[in-house]
Protein backbone atom coordinates (compact mmCIF):
# COMPACT_ATOMS: atom_id res chain seq x y z
CA MET A 1 1.05 -1.41 -12.94
CA GLU A 2 2.74 -1.98 -9.60
CA ASP A 3 1.38 -4.60 -7.22
CA TRP A 4 -0.31 -3.49 -4.04
CA SER A 5 0.84 -5.14 -0.81
CA ARG A 6 -0.99 -4.91 2.52
CA ASP A 7 2.25 -6.22 4.03
CA ASN A 8 4.28 -3.08 3.39
CA PRO A 9 5.51 -1.45 6.61
CA ILE A 10 3.55 1.80 6.30
CA ALA A 11 0.29 -0.02 5.53
CA GLU A 12 0.79 -2.38 8.48
CA PHE A 13 1.82 0.43 10.84
CA THR A 14 -1.17 2.61 9.97
CA ARG A 15 -3.67 -0.24 10.20
CA GLN A 16 -2.23 -1.44 13.52
CA ARG A 17 -2.11 2.00 15.15
CA ARG A 18 -5.62 2.88 13.95
CA ARG A 19 -6.96 -0.36 15.41
CA GLU A 20 -5.09 0.18 18.70
CA LEU A 21 -6.92 3.50 18.99
CA LYS A 22 -10.18 1.71 18.11
CA LEU A 23 -10.81 4.03 15.17
CA THR A 24 -12.51 3.19 11.92
CA GLN A 25 -11.02 4.44 8.68
CA VAL A 26 -13.86 6.97 8.50
CA GLU A 27 -13.09 8.27 12.00
CA LEU A 28 -9.37 8.53 11.23
CA SER A 29 -10.18 10.44 8.07
CA ASP A 30 -12.42 12.86 9.98
CA ILE A 31 -9.87 13.43 12.75
CA THR A 32 -6.84 13.92 10.50
CA GLY A 33 -8.50 15.64 7.55
CA VAL A 34 -6.91 13.09 5.22
CA GLY A 35 -9.33 11.68 2.67
CA LEU A 36 -10.99 8.35 3.31
CA ARG A 37 -9.96 7.02 -0.10
CA PHE A 38 -6.34 7.89 0.66
CA ILE A 39 -6.46 6.03 4.01
CA ARG A 40 -8.01 2.99 2.36
CA GLU A 41 -5.42 2.95 -0.41
CA LEU A 42 -2.57 3.40 2.06
CA GLU A 43 -3.79 0.52 4.26
CA GLN A 44 -4.23 -1.66 1.17
CA GLY A 45 -0.61 -1.02 0.22
CA LYS A 46 -0.92 1.19 -2.84
CA PRO A 47 2.70 1.58 -3.98
CA SER A 48 2.49 5.22 -5.09
CA LEU A 49 1.08 7.77 -2.69
CA MET A 50 1.82 11.43 -2.06
CA MET A 51 4.47 11.66 0.65
CA ASN A 52 3.02 14.82 2.16
CA LYS A 53 -0.32 13.03 2.70
CA VAL A 54 1.43 9.99 4.18
CA ASN A 55 3.26 12.33 6.56
CA GLU A 56 0.02 14.08 7.54
CA LEU A 57 -1.37 10.73 8.61
CA LEU A 58 1.83 9.53 10.28
CA LEU A 59 2.11 12.78 12.25
CA PHE A 60 -1.21 11.95 13.89
CA PHE A 61 0.54 8.87 15.33
CA GLY A 62 3.65 10.87 16.25
CA HIS A 63 5.79 9.57 13.36
CA THR A 64 7.14 10.76 10.03
CA LEU A 65 8.67 9.24 6.91
CA THR A 66 12.40 8.90 7.36
CA PRO A 67 15.07 7.48 5.07
CA ILE A 68 16.92 4.50 6.50
CA GLU A 69 20.07 2.85 5.27
CA LEU A 70 19.60 -0.63 3.83
CA SER A 71 22.14 -3.41 3.84
CA ARG A 72 23.35 -4.76 0.53
CA GLU A 73 21.21 -7.87 1.06
CA GLN A 74 18.09 -5.76 1.68
CA ARG A 75 18.72 -3.72 -1.47
CA LEU A 76 19.19 -6.85 -3.58
CA LYS A 77 15.99 -8.36 -2.20
CA LEU A 78 14.04 -5.22 -3.10
CA ILE A 79 15.43 -5.34 -6.63
CA GLU A 80 14.47 -9.02 -7.00
CA ASP A 81 10.90 -8.46 -5.78
């Protein structure tokens, strides 16, 4: 079982943006149509989530999942963790 991490970038981004808009998780779920359980799991850093659902939520904030190039050092760190 993979470890959950509230410190992952998508979890932090979603939590921060939701709070900036002064929305509860329930309100965000109602507005976006994304399930409350999904929002909670995303903000808690569940490591495996459906990308299309993540994108539905990110689109509300004007963002989308995008691949980025990692340096060799970043890749090695990810492998070690």
